[in-house]
């Protein structure tokens, strides 16, 4: 009889632990969603203020490399060109944030950003993205 009570208590403890772990996972997803959304807002504020060096710092390394290679110039000049050519349109307010592990999509009023989480925080992997029916997004700034 005593073993059964212990087993029942162990099962209840395991159930409580799983429930708490599930709640913790929801908190982690919410934290990631908030952090990705905040990074997108910072990116767009830098864009609106013409702070090209900040935009470059917010890009993922592969995205920055591809931008520089495509433009055949340093990142600040390349990002300035992207803004002038409307590859990075004005974005407006955040409408939705989706997070899948270490990747996120932030949908704004006039733009969609894709981000990845790095050891130093969220970085933009693609920006100036437009959805296309039954096809991948078309992005003005993207990594390889």
N, C-alpha and C. Protein backbone atom coordinates (compact mmCIF):
# COMPACT_ATOMS: atom_id res chain seq x y z
N UNK A 1 0.83 -1.19 0.00
CA UNK A 1 0.00 0.00 0.00
C UNK A 1 0.87 1.25 0.00
N UNK A 2 1.91 1.21 0.78
CA UNK A 2 2.77 2.37 0.89
C UNK A 2 3.41 2.71 -0.46
N UNK A 3 3.86 1.71 -1.22
CA UNK A 3 4.46 1.93 -2.53
C UNK A 3 3.50 2.59 -3.50
N UNK A 4 2.22 2.25 -3.38
CA UNK A 4 1.23 2.85 -4.28
C UNK A 4 1.09 4.34 -4.02
N UNK A 5 1.05 4.72 -2.76
CA UNK A 5 0.94 6.14 -2.45
C UNK A 5 2.14 6.90 -2.99
N UNK A 6 3.29 6.33 -2.80
CA UNK A 6 4.50 6.96 -3.30
C UNK A 6 4.44 7.09 -4.81
N UNK A 7 3.99 6.01 -5.47
CA UNK A 7 3.86 6.05 -6.93
C UNK A 7 2.88 7.12 -7.36
N UNK A 8 1.76 7.22 -6.66
CA UNK A 8 0.76 8.24 -6.98
C UNK A 8 1.31 9.63 -6.80
N UNK A 9 2.06 9.82 -5.72
CA UNK A 9 2.67 11.13 -5.46
C UNK A 9 3.69 11.45 -6.54
N UNK A 10 4.45 10.44 -6.95
CA UNK A 10 5.46 10.65 -8.00
C UNK A 10 4.78 11.02 -9.31
N UNK A 11 3.67 10.37 -9.62
CA UNK A 11 2.94 10.68 -10.85
C UNK A 11 2.41 12.10 -10.79
N UNK A 12 1.83 12.46 -9.63
CA UNK A 12 1.31 13.83 -9.49
C UNK A 12 2.44 14.85 -9.60
N UNK A 13 3.57 14.57 -8.98
CA UNK A 13 4.71 15.49 -9.05
C UNK A 13 5.21 15.62 -10.48
N UNK A 14 5.24 14.50 -11.20
CA UNK A 14 5.67 14.55 -12.60
C UNK A 14 4.68 15.36 -13.43
N UNK A 15 3.40 15.19 -13.17
CA UNK A 15 2.38 15.93 -13.92
C UNK A 15 2.51 17.43 -13.65
N UNK A 16 2.72 17.79 -12.38
CA UNK A 16 2.90 19.21 -12.03
C UNK A 16 4.15 19.76 -12.71
N UNK A 17 5.24 18.98 -12.70
CA UNK A 17 6.48 19.42 -13.34
C UNK A 17 6.28 19.65 -14.83
N UNK A 18 5.58 18.73 -15.49
CA UNK A 18 5.31 18.89 -16.92
C UNK A 18 4.45 20.11 -17.18
N UNK A 19 3.45 20.33 -16.35
CA UNK A 19 2.59 21.50 -16.54
C UNK A 19 3.40 22.79 -16.37
N UNK A 20 4.25 22.83 -15.34
CA UNK A 20 5.07 24.02 -15.13
C UNK A 20 6.07 24.21 -16.27
N UNK A 21 6.63 23.12 -16.77
CA UNK A 21 7.56 23.22 -17.90
C UNK A 21 6.84 23.76 -19.12
N UNK A 22 5.60 23.32 -19.31
CA UNK A 22 4.81 23.83 -20.44
C UNK A 22 4.56 25.31 -20.31
N UNK A 23 4.24 25.75 -19.10
CA UNK A 23 4.04 27.18 -18.88
C UNK A 23 5.32 27.95 -19.12
N UNK A 24 6.44 27.38 -18.69
CA UNK A 24 7.73 28.02 -18.91
C UNK A 24 8.03 28.14 -20.38
N UNK A 25 7.68 27.11 -21.15
CA UNK A 25 7.92 27.16 -22.60
C UNK A 25 7.11 28.27 -23.24
N UNK A 26 5.88 28.46 -22.77
CA UNK A 26 5.06 29.56 -23.31
C UNK A 26 5.72 30.90 -23.00
N UNK A 27 6.28 31.02 -21.78
CA UNK A 27 6.97 32.25 -21.42
C UNK A 27 8.18 32.49 -22.29
N UNK A 28 8.91 31.43 -22.62
CA UNK A 28 10.09 31.56 -23.47
C UNK A 28 9.68 32.03 -24.86
N UNK A 29 8.63 31.44 -25.40
CA UNK A 29 8.16 31.84 -26.73
C UNK A 29 7.73 33.30 -26.71
N UNK A 30 7.01 33.69 -25.66
CA UNK A 30 6.56 35.09 -25.54
C UNK A 30 7.76 36.03 -25.43
N UNK A 31 8.77 35.65 -24.66
CA UNK A 31 9.99 36.46 -24.55
C UNK A 31 10.67 36.61 -25.90
N UNK A 32 10.77 35.51 -26.63
CA UNK A 32 11.39 35.57 -27.96
C UNK A 32 10.58 36.42 -28.91
N UNK A 33 9.26 36.29 -28.85
CA UNK A 33 8.38 37.09 -29.70
C UNK A 33 8.58 38.57 -29.40
N UNK A 34 8.59 38.92 -28.12
CA UNK A 34 8.78 40.33 -27.72
C UNK A 34 10.15 40.85 -28.15
N UNK A 35 11.19 40.03 -27.97
CA UNK A 35 12.55 40.47 -28.32
C UNK A 35 12.69 40.65 -29.83
N UNK A 36 12.13 39.73 -30.62
CA UNK A 36 12.19 39.84 -32.08
C UNK A 36 11.41 41.07 -32.55
N UNK A 37 10.24 41.30 -31.99
CA UNK A 37 9.45 42.47 -32.34
C UNK A 37 10.16 43.76 -31.99
N UNK A 38 10.79 43.79 -30.82
CA UNK A 38 11.53 44.99 -30.40
C UNK A 38 12.71 45.26 -31.33
N UNK A 39 13.40 44.21 -31.77
CA UNK A 39 14.52 44.40 -32.70
C UNK A 39 14.02 44.94 -34.04
N UNK A 40 12.88 44.45 -34.49
CA UNK A 40 12.30 44.96 -35.75
C UNK A 40 11.96 46.44 -35.61
N UNK A 41 11.40 46.83 -34.48
CA UNK A 41 11.06 48.24 -34.24
C UNK A 41 12.32 49.09 -34.23
N UNK A 42 13.40 48.61 -33.57
CA UNK A 42 14.68 49.35 -33.56
C UNK A 42 15.23 49.49 -34.97
N UNK A 43 15.15 48.41 -35.75
CA UNK A 43 15.64 48.42 -37.12
C UNK A 43 14.89 49.48 -37.93
N UNK A 44 13.59 49.48 -37.81
CA UNK A 44 12.77 50.45 -38.57
C UNK A 44 13.01 51.88 -38.09
N UNK A 45 13.22 52.07 -36.81
CA UNK A 45 13.53 53.42 -36.30
C UNK A 45 14.85 53.91 -36.86
N UNK A 46 15.84 53.02 -36.94
CA UNK A 46 17.13 53.39 -37.53
C UNK A 46 16.96 53.72 -39.00
N UNK A 47 16.13 52.97 -39.69
CA UNK A 47 15.86 53.23 -41.11
C UNK A 47 15.25 54.62 -41.27
N UNK A 48 14.24 54.92 -40.46
CA UNK A 48 13.53 56.20 -40.56
C UNK A 48 14.44 57.37 -40.20
N UNK A 49 15.42 57.15 -39.32
CA UNK A 49 16.33 58.21 -38.89
C UNK A 49 17.56 58.32 -39.77
N UNK A 50 17.68 57.45 -40.78
CA UNK A 50 18.85 57.48 -41.65
C UNK A 50 20.12 57.03 -40.95
N UNK A 51 19.99 56.19 -39.95
CA UNK A 51 21.14 55.70 -39.16
C UNK A 51 21.66 54.42 -39.80
N UNK A 52 22.38 54.57 -40.90
CA UNK A 52 22.82 53.43 -41.70
C UNK A 52 23.75 52.49 -40.96
N UNK A 53 24.63 53.03 -40.12
CA UNK A 53 25.54 52.17 -39.34
C UNK A 53 24.75 51.28 -38.38
N UNK A 54 23.67 51.81 -37.78
CA UNK A 54 22.84 51.00 -36.90
C UNK A 54 22.11 49.91 -37.68
N UNK A 55 21.66 50.25 -38.88
CA UNK A 55 21.01 49.24 -39.72
C UNK A 55 22.00 48.11 -40.03
N UNK A 56 23.22 48.47 -40.36
CA UNK A 56 24.24 47.45 -40.66
C UNK A 56 24.51 46.58 -39.44
N UNK A 57 24.58 47.18 -38.27
CA UNK A 57 24.83 46.42 -37.05
C UNK A 57 23.68 45.46 -36.74
N UNK A 58 22.48 45.79 -37.20
CA UNK A 58 21.30 44.95 -36.93
C UNK A 58 21.19 43.78 -37.90
N UNK A 59 21.98 43.79 -38.98
CA UNK A 59 21.91 42.71 -39.97
C UNK A 59 22.69 41.48 -39.52
N UNK A 60 22.18 40.32 -39.89
CA UNK A 60 22.92 39.07 -39.68
C UNK A 60 24.17 39.12 -40.55
N UNK A 61 25.24 38.45 -40.13
CA UNK A 61 26.50 38.51 -40.89
C UNK A 61 26.35 38.12 -42.37
N UNK A 62 25.63 37.07 -42.67
CA UNK A 62 25.46 36.65 -44.06
C UNK A 62 24.67 37.65 -44.88
N UNK A 63 23.71 38.29 -44.24
CA UNK A 63 22.90 39.31 -44.92
C UNK A 63 23.75 40.53 -45.23
N UNK A 64 24.53 40.94 -44.26
CA UNK A 64 25.44 42.09 -44.47
C UNK A 64 26.44 41.79 -45.58
N UNK A 65 27.01 40.58 -45.56
CA UNK A 65 27.98 40.20 -46.59
C UNK A 65 27.36 40.22 -47.98
N UNK A 66 26.16 39.66 -48.12
CA UNK A 66 25.51 39.64 -49.43
C UNK A 66 25.14 41.04 -49.89
N UNK A 67 24.68 41.88 -48.98
CA UNK A 67 24.34 43.26 -49.33
C UNK A 67 25.57 44.00 -49.86
N UNK A 68 26.69 43.85 -49.16
CA UNK A 68 27.92 44.52 -49.59
C UNK A 68 28.42 43.98 -50.92
N UNK A 69 28.33 42.67 -51.10
CA UNK A 69 28.78 42.06 -52.35
C UNK A 69 27.92 42.50 -53.53
N UNK A 70 26.62 42.51 -53.33
CA UNK A 70 25.71 42.91 -54.40
C UNK A 70 25.90 44.37 -54.78
N UNK A 71 26.04 45.23 -53.77
CA UNK A 71 26.19 46.67 -54.01
C UNK A 71 27.62 47.05 -54.38
N UNK A 72 28.56 46.16 -54.13
CA UNK A 72 29.98 46.43 -54.35
C UNK A 72 30.43 47.68 -53.60
N UNK A 73 29.96 47.76 -52.34
CA UNK A 73 30.36 48.86 -51.48
C UNK A 73 30.22 48.40 -50.03
N UNK A 74 30.68 49.24 -49.12
CA UNK A 74 30.54 48.93 -47.71
C UNK A 74 29.08 48.96 -47.28
N UNK A 75 28.79 48.37 -46.16
CA UNK A 75 27.41 48.25 -45.71
C UNK A 75 26.68 49.59 -45.58
N UNK A 76 27.25 50.60 -44.92
CA UNK A 76 26.49 51.85 -44.78
C UNK A 76 26.04 52.44 -46.12
N UNK A 77 26.94 52.41 -47.11
CA UNK A 77 26.57 52.92 -48.44
C UNK A 77 25.53 52.01 -49.10
N UNK A 78 25.72 50.70 -48.97
CA UNK A 78 24.79 49.75 -49.58
C UNK A 78 23.39 49.86 -48.97
N UNK A 79 23.33 50.04 -47.66
CA UNK A 79 22.03 50.14 -46.99
C UNK A 79 21.36 51.47 -47.34
N UNK A 80 22.17 52.53 -47.49
CA UNK A 80 21.61 53.82 -47.92
C UNK A 80 20.97 53.67 -49.29
N UNK A 81 21.66 52.98 -50.20
CA UNK A 81 21.10 52.73 -51.54
C UNK A 81 19.81 51.93 -51.45
N UNK A 82 19.77 50.93 -50.60
CA UNK A 82 18.57 50.10 -50.46
C UNK A 82 17.38 50.94 -49.99
N UNK A 83 17.63 51.87 -49.09
CA UNK A 83 16.56 52.75 -48.61
C UNK A 83 16.11 53.67 -49.74
N UNK A 84 17.07 54.28 -50.44
CA UNK A 84 16.74 55.21 -51.53
C UNK A 84 15.99 54.53 -52.66
N UNK A 85 16.35 53.28 -52.95
CA UNK A 85 15.70 52.55 -54.05
C UNK A 85 14.43 51.85 -53.60
N UNK A 86 13.99 52.11 -52.37
CA UNK A 86 12.76 51.56 -51.80
C UNK A 86 12.81 50.05 -51.60
N UNK A 87 14.04 49.48 -51.50
CA UNK A 87 14.18 48.07 -51.14
C UNK A 87 13.90 47.88 -49.65
N UNK A 88 13.97 48.97 -48.90
CA UNK A 88 13.60 48.98 -47.48
C UNK A 88 12.53 50.06 -47.30
N UNK A 89 11.27 49.72 -47.55
CA UNK A 89 10.20 50.72 -47.48
C UNK A 89 9.89 51.11 -46.04
N UNK A 90 9.25 52.26 -45.85
CA UNK A 90 8.77 52.62 -44.51
C UNK A 90 7.84 51.51 -44.01
N UNK A 91 7.97 51.14 -42.74
CA UNK A 91 7.28 49.94 -42.28
C UNK A 91 6.03 50.19 -41.45
N UNK A 92 6.03 51.19 -40.62
CA UNK A 92 4.87 51.40 -39.75
C UNK A 92 4.88 50.48 -38.55
N UNK A 93 3.71 50.31 -37.96
CA UNK A 93 3.56 49.56 -36.72
C UNK A 93 3.63 48.04 -36.94
N UNK A 94 4.00 47.34 -35.88
CA UNK A 94 4.03 45.88 -35.91
C UNK A 94 2.60 45.35 -35.92
N UNK A 95 2.34 44.43 -36.83
CA UNK A 95 1.01 43.80 -36.92
C UNK A 95 1.02 42.38 -36.37
N UNK A 96 2.14 41.66 -36.54
CA UNK A 96 2.22 40.28 -36.05
C UNK A 96 3.67 39.86 -35.92
N UNK A 97 3.92 38.99 -34.96
CA UNK A 97 5.26 38.40 -34.78
C UNK A 97 5.07 36.90 -34.63
N UNK A 98 5.74 36.14 -35.48
CA UNK A 98 5.72 34.68 -35.41
C UNK A 98 7.13 34.21 -35.09
N UNK A 99 7.26 33.29 -34.15
CA UNK A 99 8.57 32.77 -33.76
C UNK A 99 8.55 31.26 -33.88
N UNK A 100 9.60 30.74 -34.51
CA UNK A 100 9.82 29.31 -34.63
C UNK A 100 11.23 29.03 -34.14
N UNK A 101 11.38 28.68 -32.88
CA UNK A 101 12.71 28.42 -32.33
C UNK A 101 13.56 29.68 -32.35
N UNK A 102 14.63 29.64 -33.13
CA UNK A 102 15.56 30.77 -33.23
C UNK A 102 15.32 31.62 -34.47
N UNK A 103 14.17 31.48 -35.08
CA UNK A 103 13.82 32.28 -36.27
C UNK A 103 12.49 32.99 -36.03
N UNK A 104 12.34 34.15 -36.66
CA UNK A 104 11.12 34.93 -36.48
C UNK A 104 10.76 35.67 -37.74
N UNK A 105 9.47 35.94 -37.87
CA UNK A 105 8.94 36.81 -38.92
C UNK A 105 8.16 37.91 -38.22
N UNK A 106 8.49 39.16 -38.56
CA UNK A 106 7.78 40.30 -38.00
C UNK A 106 7.08 41.00 -39.16
N UNK A 107 5.75 41.00 -39.10
CA UNK A 107 4.94 41.64 -40.14
C UNK A 107 4.57 43.03 -39.64
N UNK A 108 4.97 44.04 -40.41
CA UNK A 108 4.65 45.42 -40.08
C UNK A 108 3.64 45.93 -41.10
N UNK A 109 3.16 47.13 -40.93
CA UNK A 109 2.17 47.68 -41.86
C UNK A 109 2.68 47.72 -43.29
N UNK A 110 3.96 48.09 -43.50
CA UNK A 110 4.47 48.26 -44.86
C UNK A 110 5.66 47.39 -45.20
N UNK A 111 6.00 46.43 -44.36
CA UNK A 111 7.20 45.62 -44.59
C UNK A 111 7.07 44.33 -43.78
N UNK A 112 7.86 43.36 -44.15
CA UNK A 112 8.01 42.14 -43.36
C UNK A 112 9.50 41.89 -43.20
N UNK A 113 9.91 41.61 -41.95
CA UNK A 113 11.30 41.30 -41.64
C UNK A 113 11.40 39.86 -41.19
N UNK A 114 12.51 39.22 -41.53
CA UNK A 114 12.84 37.90 -41.01
C UNK A 114 14.08 38.07 -40.15
N UNK A 115 14.09 37.40 -39.01
CA UNK A 115 15.20 37.52 -38.07
C UNK A 115 15.64 36.14 -37.60
N UNK A 116 16.89 36.06 -37.17
CA UNK A 116 17.42 34.86 -36.53
C UNK A 116 18.07 35.29 -35.23
N UNK A 117 18.02 34.39 -34.25
CA UNK A 117 18.62 34.68 -32.96
C UNK A 117 20.06 34.19 -32.94
N UNK A 118 20.96 35.09 -32.62
CA UNK A 118 22.39 34.82 -32.51
C UNK A 118 22.78 34.97 -31.04
N UNK A 119 24.01 34.58 -30.67
CA UNK A 119 24.41 34.74 -29.26
C UNK A 119 24.25 36.17 -28.74
N UNK A 120 24.41 37.17 -29.58
CA UNK A 120 24.26 38.56 -29.17
C UNK A 120 22.85 39.11 -29.29
N UNK A 121 21.91 38.29 -29.70
CA UNK A 121 20.52 38.74 -29.84
C UNK A 121 19.98 38.50 -31.24
N UNK A 122 18.83 39.07 -31.51
CA UNK A 122 18.16 38.91 -32.80
C UNK A 122 18.84 39.78 -33.85
N UNK A 123 19.01 39.23 -35.05
CA UNK A 123 19.58 39.95 -36.19
C UNK A 123 18.65 39.78 -37.38
N UNK A 124 18.59 40.80 -38.21
CA UNK A 124 17.73 40.77 -39.40
C UNK A 124 18.41 39.97 -40.50
N UNK A 125 17.73 38.93 -40.98
CA UNK A 125 18.25 38.12 -42.08
C UNK A 125 17.66 38.55 -43.42
N UNK A 126 16.49 39.18 -43.39
CA UNK A 126 15.87 39.68 -44.62
C UNK A 126 14.92 40.81 -44.25
N UNK A 127 14.85 41.82 -45.12
CA UNK A 127 13.98 42.98 -44.89
C UNK A 127 13.48 43.49 -46.24
N UNK A 128 12.47 44.31 -46.18
CA UNK A 128 11.88 44.79 -47.43
C UNK A 128 11.19 43.64 -48.14
N UNK A 129 10.55 42.76 -47.38
CA UNK A 129 9.98 41.53 -47.95
C UNK A 129 8.49 41.69 -48.23
N UNK A 130 8.11 41.19 -49.39
CA UNK A 130 6.71 41.21 -49.81
C UNK A 130 6.24 39.78 -50.04
N UNK A 131 5.06 39.45 -49.51
CA UNK A 131 4.53 38.11 -49.78
C UNK A 131 4.10 37.98 -51.23
N UNK A 132 4.22 36.74 -51.76
CA UNK A 132 3.76 36.45 -53.12
C UNK A 132 2.94 35.17 -53.04
N UNK A 133 1.80 35.14 -53.69
CA UNK A 133 0.96 33.94 -53.63
C UNK A 133 1.71 32.69 -54.11
N UNK A 134 1.68 31.66 -53.30
CA UNK A 134 2.26 30.35 -53.63
C UNK A 134 3.75 30.40 -53.97
N UNK A 135 4.45 31.42 -53.48
CA UNK A 135 5.89 31.55 -53.72
C UNK A 135 6.54 32.12 -52.47
N UNK A 136 7.87 31.97 -52.36
CA UNK A 136 8.55 32.61 -51.22
C UNK A 136 8.44 34.14 -51.29
N UNK A 137 8.65 34.76 -50.16
CA UNK A 137 8.67 36.23 -50.13
C UNK A 137 9.75 36.75 -51.07
N UNK A 138 9.53 37.94 -51.61
CA UNK A 138 10.55 38.67 -52.37
C UNK A 138 11.08 39.74 -51.43
N UNK A 139 12.40 39.72 -51.18
CA UNK A 139 13.00 40.62 -50.21
C UNK A 139 14.04 41.52 -50.86
N UNK A 140 14.02 42.80 -50.52
CA UNK A 140 14.97 43.76 -51.04
C UNK A 140 16.37 43.59 -50.45
N UNK A 141 16.42 43.16 -49.20
CA UNK A 141 17.69 42.91 -48.51
C UNK A 141 17.58 41.51 -47.93
N UNK A 142 18.54 40.64 -48.29
CA UNK A 142 18.49 39.26 -47.82
C UNK A 142 19.87 38.66 -47.77
N UNK A 143 20.00 37.60 -47.00
CA UNK A 143 21.27 36.89 -46.90
C UNK A 143 21.30 35.67 -47.79
N UNK A 144 22.51 35.15 -48.01
CA UNK A 144 22.66 34.00 -48.88
C UNK A 144 22.65 32.70 -48.20
